[in-house]
Amino acid sequence: MFWAANYQVLWNRVLRDIAAAHVHNMDDSARLFALVNLSMADAGITAWDTKFHYVSWRPVTAIQEGDHDGNPRTDGDANWQPLINNPNYPEYTSGANNVSGAATRALALFFGTDEMTFSVTTTNPAALQQVRTYNRFSDAAADVVEARIYQGIHFRFADVQARKQGRHVANWVFFHFLRSVDDDDCDEHDDDDDE
């Protein structure tokens, strides 16, 4: 339930705390907020574009209709329910993972490292644990992949691909917009492994 949350609010809380602890001037702080939020917004656009291009069903439909999917190796379970209510729009790719992949990648690019200790506070009052601490941005992004599967609203491939989409968006944003005056000669690169 920790990650059954509003992701833009959640990542902006993280951003605020990280900026307060690690960014010591207004210019850099403004650039950090702009880069992360621009990355998240554009990642959301890629998620929605993909959703309405592929129009993929959610696990709840696939599981409940397993007897009627044309595959004799699958069995349906008409009574199966996800942990949380499913949104009423297509499944592939995961918006939560697109946004989280973009936010965590933008943070890693800004600070020049994936390694940073930070805490995430959920926006969901029903979560048993309200705060989680991570030592890597990528660890938080990996948790979102797992959470969306456990919540029963995405297939793993939709979460993994969405995280990758978000990372690609953040790479594009970071190397094309709001460039630091200190890195004018910085070449674009894509440090995105095959997640």
C-alpha atoms as a PDB file:
ATOM      1  CA  MET A   1       0.000   0.000   0.000  1.00  0.00           C
ATOM      2  CA  PHE A   2       3.010   2.316   0.426  1.00  0.00           C
ATOM      3  CA  TRP A   3       3.240   2.872  -3.335  1.00  0.00           C
ATOM      4  CA  ALA A   4      -0.538   3.234  -3.858  1.00  0.00           C
ATOM      5  CA  ALA A   5       0.057   6.965  -3.910  1.00  0.00           C
ATOM      6  CA  ASN A   6       0.073  10.149  -5.950  1.00  0.00           C
ATOM      7  CA  TYR A   7       3.447   9.907  -7.657  1.00  0.00           C
ATOM      8  CA  GLN A   8       3.895  13.559  -8.615  1.00  0.00           C
ATOM      9  CA  VAL A   9       3.238  14.650  -5.033  1.00  0.00           C
ATOM     10  CA  LEU A  10       5.390  11.858  -3.629  1.00  0.00           C
ATOM     11  CA  TRP A  11       8.417  12.599  -5.834  1.00  0.00           C
ATOM     12  CA  ASN A  12       8.134  16.342  -5.271  1.00  0.00           C
ATOM     13  CA  ARG A  13       8.264  15.720  -1.506  1.00  0.00           C
ATOM     14  CA  VAL A  14      11.420  13.663  -2.056  1.00  0.00           C
ATOM     15  CA  LEU A  15      12.809  16.388  -4.287  1.00  0.00           C
ATOM     16  CA  ARG A  16      12.138  19.077  -1.696  1.00  0.00           C
ATOM     17  CA  ASP A  17      13.929  17.093   1.029  1.00  0.00           C
ATOM     18  CA  ILE A  18      16.907  16.235  -1.186  1.00  0.00           C
ATOM     19  CA  ALA A  19      17.265  19.833  -2.373  1.00  0.00           C
ATOM     20  CA  ALA A  20      17.144  21.136   1.203  1.00  0.00           C
ATOM     21  CA  ALA A  21      19.878  18.713   2.269  1.00  0.00           C
ATOM     22  CA  HIS A  22      22.164  18.750  -0.770  1.00  0.00           C
ATOM     23  CA  VAL A  23      21.621  21.846  -2.922  1.00  0.00           C
ATOM     24  CA  HIS A  24      22.957  25.051  -1.457  1.00  0.00           C
ATOM     25  CA  ASN A  25      21.959  27.776  -3.888  1.00  0.00           C
ATOM     26  CA  MET A  26      18.690  28.923  -5.395  1.00  0.00           C
ATOM     27  CA  ASP A  27      19.784  28.592  -9.047  1.00  0.00           C
ATOM     28  CA  ASP A  28      20.754  24.934  -8.725  1.00  0.00           C
ATOM     29  CA  SER A  29      17.648  24.187  -6.692  1.00  0.00           C
ATOM     30  CA  ALA A  30      15.378  25.748  -9.323  1.00  0.00           C
ATOM     31  CA  ARG A  31      17.187  23.821 -12.074  1.00  0.00           C
ATOM     32  CA  LEU A  32      16.817  20.541 -10.149  1.00  0.00           C
ATOM     33  CA  PHE A  33      13.075  21.035  -9.609  1.00  0.00           C
ATOM     34  CA  ALA A  34      12.576  22.020 -13.248  1.00  0.00           C
ATOM     35  CA  LEU A  35      14.559  19.077 -14.645  1.00  0.00           C
ATOM     36  CA  VAL A  36      12.801  16.483 -12.502  1.00  0.00           C
ATOM     37  CA  ASN A  37       9.316  17.899 -13.070  1.00  0.00           C
ATOM     38  CA  LEU A  38       9.851  18.339 -16.800  1.00  0.00           C
ATOM     39  CA  SER A  39      11.088  14.740 -16.960  1.00  0.00           C
ATOM     40  CA  MET A  40       8.080  13.465 -15.002  1.00  0.00           C
ATOM     41  CA  ALA A  41       5.614  15.427 -17.151  1.00  0.00           C
ATOM     42  CA  ASP A  42       7.112  14.205 -20.410  1.00  0.00           C
ATOM     43  CA  ALA A  43       7.304  10.640 -19.064  1.00  0.00           C
ATOM     44  CA  GLY A  44       3.608  10.823 -18.236  1.00  0.00           C
ATOM     45  CA  ILE A  45       2.922  11.848 -21.818  1.00  0.00           C
ATOM     46  CA  THR A  46       4.864   8.839 -23.141  1.00  0.00           C
ATOM     47  CA  ALA A  47       2.933   6.524 -20.804  1.00  0.00           C
ATOM     48  CA  TRP A  48      -0.447   7.798 -21.951  1.00  0.00           C
ATOM     49  CA  ASP A  49       0.565   7.770 -25.592  1.00  0.00           C
ATOM     50  CA  THR A  50       1.673   4.141 -25.240  1.00  0.00           C
ATOM     51  CA  LYS A  51      -1.468   3.146 -23.318  1.00  0.00           C
ATOM     52  CA  PHE A  52      -3.767   4.367 -26.035  1.00  0.00           C
ATOM     53  CA  HIS A  53      -1.602   3.034 -28.837  1.00  0.00           C
ATOM     54  CA  TYR A  54      -1.517  -0.578 -27.537  1.00  0.00           C
ATOM     55  CA  VAL A  55      -4.766  -0.699 -25.479  1.00  0.00           C
ATOM     56  CA  SER A  56      -3.630  -3.650 -23.357  1.00  0.00           C
ATOM     57  CA  TRP A  57      -5.831  -5.374 -20.793  1.00  0.00           C
ATOM     58  CA  ARG A  58      -4.992  -5.432 -17.104  1.00  0.00           C
ATOM     59  CA  PRO A  59      -4.153  -8.533 -15.033  1.00  0.00           C
ATOM     60  CA  VAL A  60      -7.624  -8.596 -13.479  1.00  0.00           C
ATOM     61  CA  THR A  61      -9.210  -9.097 -16.900  1.00  0.00           C
ATOM     62  CA  ALA A  62      -6.579 -11.582 -18.050  1.00  0.00           C
ATOM     63  CA  ILE A  63      -6.875 -13.660 -14.870  1.00  0.00           C
ATOM     64  CA  GLN A  64     -10.650 -13.603 -14.657  1.00  0.00           C
ATOM     65  CA  GLU A  65     -11.001 -14.418 -18.382  1.00  0.00           C
ATOM     66  CA  GLY A  66      -8.207 -17.016 -18.540  1.00  0.00           C
ATOM     67  CA  ASP A  67     -10.660 -19.739 -19.570  1.00  0.00           C
ATOM     68  CA  HIS A  68     -11.717 -17.664 -22.584  1.00  0.00           C
ATOM     69  CA  ASP A  69      -8.402 -16.341 -23.920  1.00  0.00           C
ATOM     70  CA  GLY A  70      -7.885 -18.997 -26.597  1.00  0.00           C
ATOM     71  CA  ASN A  71      -4.914 -20.519 -24.750  1.00  0.00           C
ATOM     72  CA  PRO A  72      -5.608 -24.027 -23.396  1.00  0.00           C
ATOM     73  CA  ARG A  73      -2.662 -23.707 -20.961  1.00  0.00           C
ATOM     74  CA  THR A  74      -4.273 -20.911 -18.942  1.00  0.00           C
ATOM     75  CA  ASP A  75      -6.964 -21.322 -16.330  1.00  0.00           C
ATOM     76  CA  GLY A  76      -9.189 -18.447 -15.382  1.00  0.00           C
ATOM     77  CA  ASP A  77     -10.186 -17.418 -11.885  1.00  0.00           C
ATOM     78  CA  ALA A  78     -13.440 -15.470 -12.103  1.00  0.00           C
ATOM     79  CA  ASN A  79     -13.186 -14.463  -8.421  1.00  0.00           C
ATOM     80  CA  TRP A  80      -9.645 -13.041  -8.454  1.00  0.00           C
ATOM     81  CA  GLN A  81      -9.369  -9.403  -7.359  1.00  0.00           C
ATOM     82  CA  PRO A  82      -6.351  -7.087  -7.260  1.00  0.00           C
ATOM     83  CA  LEU A  83      -5.115  -5.528  -4.030  1.00  0.00           C
ATOM     84  CA  ILE A  84      -6.220  -2.067  -5.166  1.00  0.00           C
ATOM     85  CA  ASN A  85      -8.852  -0.925  -7.627  1.00  0.00           C
ATOM     86  CA  ASN A  86      -7.641  -0.827 -11.201  1.00  0.00           C
ATOM     87  CA  PRO A  87      -7.810   2.427 -13.145  1.00  0.00           C
ATOM     88  CA  ASN A  88     -10.270   2.413 -16.032  1.00  0.00           C
ATOM     89  CA  TYR A  89      -7.725   2.966 -18.798  1.00  0.00           C
ATOM     90  CA  PRO A  90      -5.299   0.622 -20.602  1.00  0.00           C
ATOM     91  CA  GLU A  91      -2.490  -1.123 -18.741  1.00  0.00           C
ATOM     92  CA  TYR A  92       0.648  -0.855 -20.899  1.00  0.00           C
ATOM     93  CA  THR A  93       2.844   0.997 -19.934  1.00  0.00           C
ATOM     94  CA  SER A  94       2.718   1.874 -16.262  1.00  0.00           C
ATOM     95  CA  GLY A  95       2.342   5.593 -15.599  1.00  0.00           C
ATOM     96  CA  ALA A  96       3.666   5.195 -12.057  1.00  0.00           C
ATOM     97  CA  ASN A  97       6.834   3.524 -13.308  1.00  0.00           C
ATOM     98  CA  ASN A  98       7.275   5.975 -16.155  1.00  0.00           C
ATOM     99  CA  VAL A  99       7.144   8.888 -13.708  1.00  0.00           C
ATOM    100  CA  SER A 100       9.300   7.135 -11.098  1.00  0.00           C
ATOM    101  CA  GLY A 101      11.879   6.077 -13.687  1.00  0.00           C
ATOM    102  CA  ALA A 102      12.068   9.658 -14.940  1.00  0.00           C
ATOM    103  CA  ALA A 103      12.319  11.197 -11.472  1.00  0.00           C
ATOM    104  CA  THR A 104      14.993   8.827 -10.201  1.00  0.00           C
ATOM    105  CA  ARG A 105      17.062   9.056 -13.388  1.00  0.00           C
ATOM    106  CA  ALA A 106      16.857  12.865 -13.446  1.00  0.00           C
ATOM    107  CA  LEU A 107      18.029  12.942  -9.823  1.00  0.00           C
ATOM    108  CA  ALA A 108      20.929  10.594 -10.560  1.00  0.00           C
ATOM    109  CA  LEU A 109      21.966  12.662 -13.579  1.00  0.00           C
ATOM    110  CA  PHE A 110      21.772  15.928 -11.656  1.00  0.00           C
ATOM    111  CA  PHE A 111      23.927  14.643  -8.790  1.00  0.00           C
ATOM    112  CA  GLY A 112      26.201  12.547 -11.016  1.00  0.00           C
ATOM    113  CA  THR A 113      25.518   9.361  -9.053  1.00  0.00           C
ATOM    114  CA  ASP A 114      22.789   6.844  -8.354  1.00  0.00           C
ATOM    115  CA  GLU A 115      24.003   6.568  -4.762  1.00  0.00           C
ATOM    116  CA  MET A 116      22.280   8.865  -2.296  1.00  0.00           C
ATOM    117  CA  THR A 117      20.507   8.169   0.963  1.00  0.00           C
ATOM    118  CA  PHE A 118      17.021   9.652   0.946  1.00  0.00           C
ATOM    119  CA  SER A 119      13.581   8.942   2.346  1.00  0.00           C
ATOM    120  CA  VAL A 120      10.211   8.616   0.656  1.00  0.00           C
ATOM    121  CA  THR A 121       7.022   9.417   2.571  1.00  0.00           C
ATOM    122  CA  THR A 122       3.863   7.907   1.148  1.00  0.00           C
ATOM    123  CA  THR A 123       0.757   9.959   0.412  1.00  0.00           C
ATOM    124  CA  ASN A 124      -1.370   6.929   1.334  1.00  0.00           C
ATOM    125  CA  PRO A 125      -2.588   7.053   4.964  1.00  0.00           C
ATOM    126  CA  ALA A 126      -3.566   3.348   4.778  1.00  0.00           C
ATOM    127  CA  ALA A 127       0.059   2.219   4.363  1.00  0.00           C
ATOM    128  CA  LEU A 128       1.428   0.465   7.453  1.00  0.00           C
ATOM    129  CA  GLN A 129       4.865   1.967   6.862  1.00  0.00           C
ATOM    130  CA  GLN A 130       4.753   5.694   6.130  1.00  0.00           C
ATOM    131  CA  VAL A 131       8.451   6.312   5.398  1.00  0.00           C
ATOM    132  CA  ARG A 132      11.044   4.240   3.564  1.00  0.00           C
ATOM    133  CA  THR A 133      14.740   5.045   3.285  1.00  0.00           C
ATOM    134  CA  TYR A 134      16.802   4.169   0.218  1.00  0.00           C
ATOM    135  CA  ASN A 135      20.524   4.334  -0.546  1.00  0.00           C
ATOM    136  CA  ARG A 136      20.125   4.460  -4.340  1.00  0.00           C
ATOM    137  CA  PHE A 137      17.631   6.203  -6.589  1.00  0.00           C
ATOM    138  CA  SER A 138      17.386   3.019  -8.655  1.00  0.00           C
ATOM    139  CA  ASP A 139      16.349   1.022  -5.562  1.00  0.00           C
ATOM    140  CA  ALA A 140      13.246   3.176  -5.149  1.00  0.00           C
ATOM    141  CA  ALA A 141      12.443   2.803  -8.867  1.00  0.00           C
ATOM    142  CA  ALA A 142      12.807  -0.990  -8.558  1.00  0.00           C
ATOM    143  CA  ASP A 143      10.399  -0.995  -5.592  1.00  0.00           C
ATOM    144  CA  VAL A 144       7.759   0.758  -7.689  1.00  0.00           C
ATOM    145  CA  VAL A 145       8.010  -2.011 -10.318  1.00  0.00           C
ATOM    146  CA  GLU A 146       7.397  -4.684  -7.683  1.00  0.00           C
ATOM    147  CA  ALA A 147       4.652  -2.731  -5.944  1.00  0.00           C
ATOM    148  CA  ARG A 148       2.573  -2.239  -9.074  1.00  0.00           C
ATOM    149  CA  ILE A 149       2.725  -5.997  -9.733  1.00  0.00           C
ATOM    150  CA  TYR A 150       1.773  -6.873  -6.131  1.00  0.00           C
ATOM    151  CA  GLN A 151      -1.057  -4.358  -6.284  1.00  0.00           C
ATOM    152  CA  GLY A 152      -2.408  -6.364  -9.213  1.00  0.00           C
ATOM    153  CA  ILE A 153      -2.673  -3.509 -11.673  1.00  0.00           C
ATOM    154  CA  HIS A 154       0.243  -4.238 -14.050  1.00  0.00           C
ATOM    155  CA  PHE A 155       2.133  -7.052 -15.671  1.00  0.00           C
ATOM    156  CA  ARG A 156       5.893  -7.041 -15.030  1.00  0.00           C
ATOM    157  CA  PHE A 157       6.744  -6.235 -18.667  1.00  0.00           C
ATOM    158  CA  ALA A 158       4.589  -3.089 -18.517  1.00  0.00           C
ATOM    159  CA  ASP A 159       6.345  -1.895 -15.357  1.00  0.00           C
ATOM    160  CA  VAL A 160       9.872  -2.660 -16.560  1.00  0.00           C
ATOM    161  CA  GLN A 161       9.280  -1.050 -19.952  1.00  0.00           C
ATOM    162  CA  ALA A 162       7.699   2.014 -18.325  1.00  0.00           C
ATOM    163  CA  ARG A 163      10.679   2.495 -16.022  1.00  0.00           C
ATOM    164  CA  LYS A 164      12.935   2.290 -19.071  1.00  0.00           C
ATOM    165  CA  GLN A 165      10.751   4.820 -20.947  1.00  0.00           C
ATOM    166  CA  GLY A 166      10.944   7.215 -18.008  1.00  0.00           C
ATOM    167  CA  ARG A 167      14.735   6.877 -17.839  1.00  0.00           C
ATOM    168  CA  HIS A 168      15.040   7.603 -21.551  1.00  0.00           C
ATOM    169  CA  VAL A 169      12.856  10.688 -21.172  1.00  0.00           C
ATOM    170  CA  ALA A 170      14.988  11.947 -18.277  1.00  0.00           C
ATOM    171  CA  ASN A 171      18.151  11.398 -20.341  1.00  0.00           C
ATOM    172  CA  TRP A 172      16.671  13.432 -23.181  1.00  0.00           C
ATOM    173  CA  VAL A 173      15.524  16.247 -20.900  1.00  0.00           C
ATOM    174  CA  PHE A 174      18.793  16.419 -18.979  1.00  0.00           C
ATOM    175  CA  PHE A 175      21.003  16.584 -22.074  1.00  0.00           C
ATOM    176  CA  HIS A 176      18.797  18.953 -24.100  1.00  0.00           C
ATOM    177  CA  PHE A 177      17.162  21.420 -21.708  1.00  0.00           C
ATOM    178  CA  LEU A 178      18.130  23.613 -18.774  1.00  0.00           C
ATOM    179  CA  ARG A 179      21.795  22.810 -19.235  1.00  0.00           C
ATOM    180  CA  SER A 180      24.183  23.871 -16.527  1.00  0.00           C
ATOM    181  CA  VAL A 181      26.639  26.570 -17.528  1.00  0.00           C
ATOM    182  CA  ASP A 182      29.333  24.262 -16.124  1.00  0.00           C
ATOM    183  CA  ASP A 183      28.637  21.409 -18.559  1.00  0.00           C
ATOM    184  CA  ASP A 184      28.297  23.098 -21.963  1.00  0.00           C
ATOM    185  CA  ASP A 185      30.666  20.560 -23.489  1.00  0.00           C
ATOM    186  CA  CYS A 186      28.889  17.567 -21.916  1.00  0.00           C
ATOM    187  CA  ASP A 187      28.000  14.946 -24.539  1.00  0.00           C
ATOM    188  CA  GLU A 188      24.686  13.145 -24.477  1.00  0.00           C
ATOM    189  CA  HIS A 189      24.881   9.559 -23.308  1.00  0.00           C
ATOM    190  CA  ASP A 190      22.396   6.922 -22.344  1.00  0.00           C
ATOM    191  CA  ASP A 191      23.498   5.057 -19.254  1.00  0.00           C
ATOM    192  CA  ASP A 192      20.347   2.934 -19.403  1.00  0.00           C
ATOM    193  CA  ASP A 193      21.147  -0.724 -18.930  1.00  0.00           C
ATOM    194  CA  ASP A 194      18.783  -3.439 -20.122  1.00  0.00           C
ATOM    195  CA  GLU A 195      16.570  -3.472 -17.056  1.00  0.00           C
END
